[in-house]
């Protein structure tokens, strides 16, 4: 079960600030990201699911930074990876 949290980064007097009114109950990362984008107001926002960093959203354009642009393709990549058979060479 997801446990999403959002943090606002770099507000004066705060290194990071947890957004207490952010709902932790979202269907998936994409839904949580849509809600987190609404929190951007001049500061970067980080979205976490438990101990996993989902994305850091840039305060200028709202897009994920630090290589998180792959999130849009993740479901497709996961399905393609799962669907591929794995060949294991046995050495006896």
C-alpha atoms as a PDB file:
ATOM      1  CA  UNK A   1       0.000   0.000   0.000  1.00  0.00           C
ATOM      2  CA  UNK A   2       1.471   3.371  -1.000  1.00  0.00           C
ATOM      3  CA  UNK A   3       2.351   5.934   1.636  1.00  0.00           C
ATOM      4  CA  UNK A   4       2.982   9.129  -0.319  1.00  0.00           C
ATOM      5  CA  UNK A   5       4.428  12.237   1.324  1.00  0.00           C
ATOM      6  CA  UNK A   6       5.322  15.598  -0.158  1.00  0.00           C
ATOM      7  CA  UNK A   7       8.028  17.969   1.063  1.00  0.00           C
ATOM      8  CA  UNK A   8       8.676  21.570   0.084  1.00  0.00           C
ATOM      9  CA  UNK A   9      12.412  22.231  -0.165  1.00  0.00           C
ATOM     10  CA  UNK A  10      14.318  25.377   0.697  1.00  0.00           C
ATOM     11  CA  UNK A  11      11.683  27.606   2.261  1.00  0.00           C
ATOM     12  CA  UNK A  12      13.338  30.305   4.374  1.00  0.00           C
ATOM     13  CA  UNK A  13      14.065  28.897   7.817  1.00  0.00           C
ATOM     14  CA  UNK A  14      13.362  25.312   6.691  1.00  0.00           C
ATOM     15  CA  UNK A  15      15.578  22.839   4.905  1.00  0.00           C
ATOM     16  CA  UNK A  16      12.472  20.857   4.031  1.00  0.00           C
ATOM     17  CA  UNK A  17       8.874  21.099   5.160  1.00  0.00           C
ATOM     18  CA  UNK A  18       6.426  18.181   5.142  1.00  0.00           C
ATOM     19  CA  UNK A  19       3.079  19.089   3.607  1.00  0.00           C
ATOM     20  CA  UNK A  20       0.698  17.734   6.241  1.00  0.00           C
ATOM     21  CA  UNK A  21      -2.429  18.230   4.129  1.00  0.00           C
ATOM     22  CA  UNK A  22      -1.020  16.094   1.280  1.00  0.00           C
ATOM     23  CA  UNK A  23      -2.997  12.870   0.995  1.00  0.00           C
ATOM     24  CA  UNK A  24      -0.837   9.757   1.174  1.00  0.00           C
ATOM     25  CA  UNK A  25      -3.486   7.618  -0.476  1.00  0.00           C
ATOM     26  CA  UNK A  26      -3.030   7.782  -4.261  1.00  0.00           C
ATOM     27  CA  UNK A  27      -3.567   4.978  -6.759  1.00  0.00           C
ATOM     28  CA  UNK A  28      -0.063   5.237  -8.224  1.00  0.00           C
ATOM     29  CA  UNK A  29       2.962   7.469  -8.756  1.00  0.00           C
ATOM     30  CA  UNK A  30       1.342   9.365 -11.636  1.00  0.00           C
ATOM     31  CA  UNK A  31      -1.679  10.362  -9.533  1.00  0.00           C
ATOM     32  CA  UNK A  32       0.529  11.406  -6.618  1.00  0.00           C
ATOM     33  CA  UNK A  33       2.746  13.443  -8.976  1.00  0.00           C
ATOM     34  CA  UNK A  34      -0.262  15.327 -10.356  1.00  0.00           C
ATOM     35  CA  UNK A  35      -1.235  16.350  -6.824  1.00  0.00           C
ATOM     36  CA  UNK A  36       2.333  17.202  -5.825  1.00  0.00           C
ATOM     37  CA  UNK A  37       2.660  19.566  -8.794  1.00  0.00           C
ATOM     38  CA  UNK A  38      -0.144  21.653  -7.282  1.00  0.00           C
ATOM     39  CA  UNK A  39       2.128  22.385  -4.290  1.00  0.00           C
ATOM     40  CA  UNK A  40       4.820  24.148  -6.322  1.00  0.00           C
ATOM     41  CA  UNK A  41       4.956  27.798  -5.309  1.00  0.00           C
ATOM     42  CA  UNK A  42       8.494  29.029  -5.862  1.00  0.00           C
ATOM     43  CA  UNK A  43      10.199  26.017  -4.247  1.00  0.00           C
ATOM     44  CA  UNK A  44      11.091  22.514  -5.397  1.00  0.00           C
ATOM     45  CA  UNK A  45       8.838  19.725  -4.137  1.00  0.00           C
ATOM     46  CA  UNK A  46       9.919  16.155  -3.368  1.00  0.00           C
ATOM     47  CA  UNK A  47       7.469  13.282  -3.535  1.00  0.00           C
ATOM     48  CA  UNK A  48       8.198  10.152  -1.510  1.00  0.00           C
ATOM     49  CA  UNK A  49       6.492   6.774  -1.204  1.00  0.00           C
ATOM     50  CA  UNK A  50       7.724   5.391   2.078  1.00  0.00           C
ATOM     51  CA  UNK A  51      11.524   5.334   1.799  1.00  0.00           C
ATOM     52  CA  UNK A  52      11.514   5.633  -2.007  1.00  0.00           C
ATOM     53  CA  UNK A  53      12.075   9.004  -3.636  1.00  0.00           C
ATOM     54  CA  UNK A  54       9.530   9.167  -6.446  1.00  0.00           C
ATOM     55  CA  UNK A  55      10.505  12.578  -7.864  1.00  0.00           C
ATOM     56  CA  UNK A  56      11.866  16.016  -7.181  1.00  0.00           C
ATOM     57  CA  UNK A  57       9.713  18.552  -9.023  1.00  0.00           C
ATOM     58  CA  UNK A  58      11.434  21.672 -10.313  1.00  0.00           C
ATOM     59  CA  UNK A  59       9.964  24.931  -8.997  1.00  0.00           C
ATOM     60  CA  UNK A  60      10.341  26.640 -12.395  1.00  0.00           C
ATOM     61  CA  UNK A  61       8.527  24.255 -14.716  1.00  0.00           C
ATOM     62  CA  UNK A  62       7.026  21.576 -12.447  1.00  0.00           C
ATOM     63  CA  UNK A  63       8.841  18.785 -14.258  1.00  0.00           C
ATOM     64  CA  UNK A  64      10.730  16.019 -12.484  1.00  0.00           C
ATOM     65  CA  UNK A  65      14.467  16.674 -12.171  1.00  0.00           C
ATOM     66  CA  UNK A  66      17.500  14.466 -11.589  1.00  0.00           C
ATOM     67  CA  UNK A  67      16.598  11.841 -14.165  1.00  0.00           C
ATOM     68  CA  UNK A  68      13.030  11.232 -13.041  1.00  0.00           C
ATOM     69  CA  UNK A  69      11.578  11.855 -16.517  1.00  0.00           C
ATOM     70  CA  UNK A  70      11.540   8.053 -16.975  1.00  0.00           C
ATOM     71  CA  UNK A  71       8.411   7.879 -14.776  1.00  0.00           C
ATOM     72  CA  UNK A  72       6.130   8.393 -17.750  1.00  0.00           C
ATOM     73  CA  UNK A  73       7.624   5.328 -19.445  1.00  0.00           C
ATOM     74  CA  UNK A  74       7.975   3.135 -16.348  1.00  0.00           C
ATOM     75  CA  UNK A  75       4.763   1.076 -16.738  1.00  0.00           C
ATOM     76  CA  UNK A  76       5.612   0.307 -20.378  1.00  0.00           C
ATOM     77  CA  UNK A  77       9.192  -0.642 -19.526  1.00  0.00           C
ATOM     78  CA  UNK A  78       8.107  -2.857 -16.642  1.00  0.00           C
ATOM     79  CA  UNK A  79       5.593  -4.720 -18.800  1.00  0.00           C
ATOM     80  CA  UNK A  80       8.142  -5.219 -21.585  1.00  0.00           C
ATOM     81  CA  UNK A  81      10.733  -6.475 -19.120  1.00  0.00           C
ATOM     82  CA  UNK A  82       8.334  -8.898 -17.440  1.00  0.00           C
ATOM     83  CA  UNK A  83       7.129 -10.215 -20.800  1.00  0.00           C
ATOM     84  CA  UNK A  84      10.661 -11.096 -21.964  1.00  0.00           C
ATOM     85  CA  UNK A  85      11.700 -14.699 -21.361  1.00  0.00           C
ATOM     86  CA  UNK A  86      14.955 -15.187 -19.535  1.00  0.00           C
ATOM     87  CA  UNK A  87      17.446 -17.691 -20.923  1.00  0.00           C
ATOM     88  CA  UNK A  88      19.801 -19.193 -18.386  1.00  0.00           C
ATOM     89  CA  UNK A  89      22.766 -21.180 -19.587  1.00  0.00           C
ATOM     90  CA  UNK A  90      23.486 -23.999 -17.248  1.00  0.00           C
ATOM     91  CA  UNK A  91      27.092 -24.986 -16.720  1.00  0.00           C
ATOM     92  CA  UNK A  92      27.602 -28.430 -15.380  1.00  0.00           C
END
